[in-house]
Protein backbone atom coordinates (compact mmCIF):
# COMPACT_ATOMS: atom_id res chain seq x y z
CA MET A 1 -33.51 119.27 2.03
CA PHE A 2 -30.68 118.55 4.58
CA LYS A 3 -28.39 118.44 1.86
CA LYS A 4 -29.51 121.78 -0.04
CA ILE A 5 -29.11 123.48 3.18
CA PHE A 6 -26.04 121.63 4.68
CA LYS A 7 -24.34 122.92 0.91
CA ASN A 8 -25.72 126.56 1.53
CA MET A 9 -24.16 126.17 4.76
CA SER A 10 -21.01 125.01 3.80
CA GLN A 11 -20.58 127.27 0.52
CA GLU A 12 -21.80 130.32 2.80
CA SER A 13 -19.26 129.43 5.32
CA THR A 14 -16.98 128.47 2.25
CA GLU A 15 -17.09 131.87 1.32
CA ASN A 16 -17.27 133.95 4.96
CA THR A 17 -14.23 131.93 5.47
CA GLU A 18 -12.55 133.21 1.97
CA LYS A 19 -13.51 136.94 2.94
CA GLU A 20 -11.95 136.22 6.42
CA ILE A 21 -8.16 135.36 4.65
CA LEU A 22 -8.59 138.58 2.22
CA ASN A 23 -8.92 140.36 4.99
CA GLU A 24 -6.65 138.67 7.43
CA GLU A 25 -4.31 139.41 4.06
CA ASN A 26 -5.44 143.00 3.60
CA VAL A 27 -4.99 143.90 7.41
CA SER A 28 -1.27 141.47 7.51
CA GLU A 29 -0.42 143.45 4.39
CA ASN A 30 -1.04 147.21 5.52
CA GLN A 31 0.56 145.82 9.10
CA GLU A 32 3.29 144.85 6.94
CA VAL A 33 3.30 148.57 5.17
CA GLN A 34 2.97 150.73 8.46
CA GLN A 35 5.18 147.71 10.72
CA PRO A 36 8.35 148.60 9.34
CA GLU A 37 8.20 152.08 9.34
CA LEU A 38 7.52 151.80 12.94
CA SER A 39 10.36 149.23 13.01
CA VAL A 40 12.86 152.21 12.02
CA GLU A 41 11.10 154.61 14.33
CA ASP A 42 11.42 152.43 16.95
CA GLN A 43 15.04 151.31 16.56
CA LEU A 44 15.94 154.83 15.66
CA THR A 45 14.39 155.84 19.55
CA ALA A 46 16.42 152.64 20.70
CA ASP A 47 19.67 154.30 19.38
CA LEU A 48 19.36 157.23 20.15
CA ALA A 49 18.38 156.43 23.79
CA SER A 50 21.55 154.05 23.83
CA GLU A 51 23.50 156.36 22.64
CA LYS A 52 22.05 159.32 25.53
CA ASP A 53 22.88 156.77 28.12
CA LYS A 54 26.30 156.31 26.84
CA PHE A 55 26.72 159.70 26.35
CA LEU A 56 25.46 160.53 30.22
CA ARG A 57 27.80 157.54 31.59
CA LEU A 58 30.95 159.16 29.69
CA PHE A 59 30.05 162.38 30.87
CA ALA A 60 29.57 161.22 34.09
CA GLU A 61 33.07 159.14 34.33
CA PHE A 62 34.93 162.52 33.00
CA GLU A 63 33.23 164.87 35.72
CA ASN A 64 34.51 161.83 38.13
CA TYR A 65 38.20 161.90 36.72
CA LYS A 66 38.35 165.56 37.13
CA ARG A 67 37.03 165.49 40.46
CA ARG A 68 39.39 163.30 41.50
CA THR A 69 42.10 164.91 39.52
CA ALA A 70 41.77 167.99 41.54
CA LYS A 71 41.76 166.53 44.76
CA GLU A 72 45.38 164.65 44.06
CA ARG A 73 46.62 168.09 43.23
CA ILE A 74 45.29 169.63 45.58
CA ASP A 75 46.47 166.89 48.31
CA LEU A 76 49.94 166.76 46.20
CA PHE A 77 50.26 170.61 46.34
CA LYS A 78 49.35 170.20 50.65
CA THR A 79 52.12 167.69 50.79
CA ALA A 80 54.66 168.45 48.36
CA ASN A 81 57.13 169.15 50.60
CA GLN A 82 56.72 166.88 53.40
CA GLU A 83 60.22 165.01 52.62
CA VAL A 84 61.72 168.05 53.11
CA LEU A 85 59.90 169.53 56.47
CA GLN A 86 60.92 166.02 57.76
CA ALA A 87 64.37 166.20 57.08
CA ILE A 88 63.84 169.41 58.91
CA LEU A 89 62.29 168.45 62.22
CA PRO A 90 65.82 167.04 63.88
CA VAL A 91 67.20 169.88 63.25
CA MET A 92 64.04 171.76 64.88
CA ASP A 93 64.16 169.71 68.15
CA ASP A 94 67.86 171.25 68.71
CA PHE A 95 67.50 174.25 67.50
CA ASP A 96 64.39 174.00 70.55
CA ARG A 97 67.24 171.97 73.57
CA ALA A 98 69.63 174.73 72.02
CA MET A 99 67.19 177.22 73.44
CA THR A 100 66.79 175.91 76.42
CA GLN A 101 69.89 175.87 76.74
CA ILE A 102 70.61 179.17 75.79
CA SER A 103 67.71 180.57 77.43
CA LYS A 104 70.35 180.10 80.80
CA SER A 105 72.71 182.39 79.62
CA GLU A 106 73.19 185.92 81.33
CA ASP A 107 73.69 187.29 78.02
CA GLU A 108 70.59 189.26 77.21
CA ASN A 109 72.47 189.89 72.96
CA LEU A 110 72.87 186.42 72.34
CA VAL A 111 69.69 185.15 73.62
CA THR A 112 67.30 188.29 72.12
CA GLY A 113 69.81 186.66 68.72
CA VAL A 114 69.13 183.36 68.98
CA ALA A 115 65.26 183.45 69.62
CA LEU A 116 64.60 185.79 66.90
CA ILE A 117 66.57 183.04 64.55
CA HIS A 118 64.35 180.76 66.11
CA GLU A 119 61.00 182.38 65.73
CA LYS A 120 61.55 182.94 62.50
CA LEU A 121 62.81 179.32 61.44
CA LYS A 122 58.89 178.45 63.06
CA SER A 123 57.56 181.12 62.00
CA THR A 124 58.04 180.20 57.79
CA LEU A 125 57.79 176.63 58.86
CA VAL A 126 54.33 177.63 59.86
CA SER A 127 54.12 179.17 56.57
CA LYS A 128 54.36 176.28 54.90
CA GLY A 129 51.98 174.50 56.69
CA LEU A 130 54.42 172.57 59.64
CA GLU A 131 51.46 172.44 62.76
CA GLU A 132 52.75 171.12 65.92
CA VAL A 133 50.55 168.75 67.49
CA GLU A 134 49.59 169.76 70.99
CA VAL A 135 50.35 167.08 73.40
CA LYS A 136 51.23 168.20 77.43
CA ALA A 137 51.27 166.63 80.97
CA GLY A 138 48.98 165.96 82.28
CA ASP A 139 46.50 165.29 78.98
CA VAL A 140 44.60 161.61 78.57
CA PHE A 141 46.80 159.64 76.19
CA ASP A 142 45.51 158.85 72.70
CA ALA A 143 46.59 156.12 70.73
CA ASP A 144 45.25 158.07 66.64
CA PHE A 145 47.41 161.50 67.90
CA ALA A 146 50.23 159.86 69.86
CA GLU A 147 53.13 157.50 69.91
CA ALA A 148 53.45 155.53 74.06
CA ILE A 149 57.11 155.12 73.40
CA THR A 150 57.21 153.47 77.63
CA GLN A 151 55.08 153.63 80.56
CA ILE A 152 56.14 154.19 84.17
CA PRO A 153 54.20 153.68 87.66
CA ALA A 154 51.93 156.69 87.95
CA PRO A 155 53.62 159.58 90.16
CA SER A 156 50.27 160.13 91.01
CA GLU A 157 46.24 159.04 90.92
CA LYS A 158 45.54 162.12 88.79
CA LEU A 159 48.46 160.88 85.88
CA LYS A 160 47.27 157.00 86.16
CA GLY A 161 46.56 156.13 82.15
CA LYS A 162 47.78 160.14 81.21
CA ILE A 163 50.62 161.41 79.55
CA VAL A 164 53.40 162.20 82.04
CA ASP A 165 55.80 163.25 80.22
CA VAL A 166 56.85 164.80 76.14
CA ILE A 167 60.21 162.76 75.29
CA GLU A 168 59.58 164.54 71.26
CA LYS A 169 57.43 167.12 69.79
CA GLY A 170 54.96 165.75 66.87
CA TYR A 171 54.00 167.52 63.53
CA LYS A 172 51.59 167.72 60.90
CA LEU A 173 51.31 169.15 57.85
CA GLY A 174 47.58 170.16 57.24
CA ASP A 175 45.28 167.27 58.20
CA LYS A 176 48.64 165.06 57.91
CA ILE A 177 50.34 163.51 60.77
CA ILE A 178 53.65 163.81 59.68
CA ARG A 179 55.55 162.73 63.29
CA PHE A 180 54.05 161.69 66.04
CA PRO A 181 54.81 163.00 69.14
CA LYS A 182 56.64 160.35 71.53
CA VAL A 183 55.29 160.02 74.70
CA VAL A 184 55.86 158.91 78.46
CA ILE A 185 52.68 157.50 79.66
CA GLY A 186 51.83 156.74 83.54
CA GLN A 187 50.32 153.36 84.49
């Protein structure tokens, strides 16, 4: 009897196992048929995402390039005449000294004529972007905006650590200082 039961169980189990195997084969065949479709779709989606990413990165890089070159162009225009203006600065200094001496003259026409030329030169340089760096005696010394030539004993307590005299004017072109003012500071 046990043999008969065991034989029936064995046959049923074999049949069930065969059915399970057939079912698994059918399922796996269905999956294999469906999987290439999903795989192709997934592959295309991944390729599209990759190409989109490349495009966005390239676009961002191009926009950065455009901004950088535009900024460089603006900076170039601002400072294109820097060398010419720096060459004119000693002439401007000489002209300022000459104006100081000529203003002592008694000839009104000479003083007026030279003052007109001096103002015209100054206004032309200002129109090209040249500005004088404002420092005067009594200001606190700041190494970022002035160059200390020497230190002397301060004539008064108020001038200790401050500018005593301005030897040479400083100029800036736009926001960039092209010549620092040369000053004497009190010790």
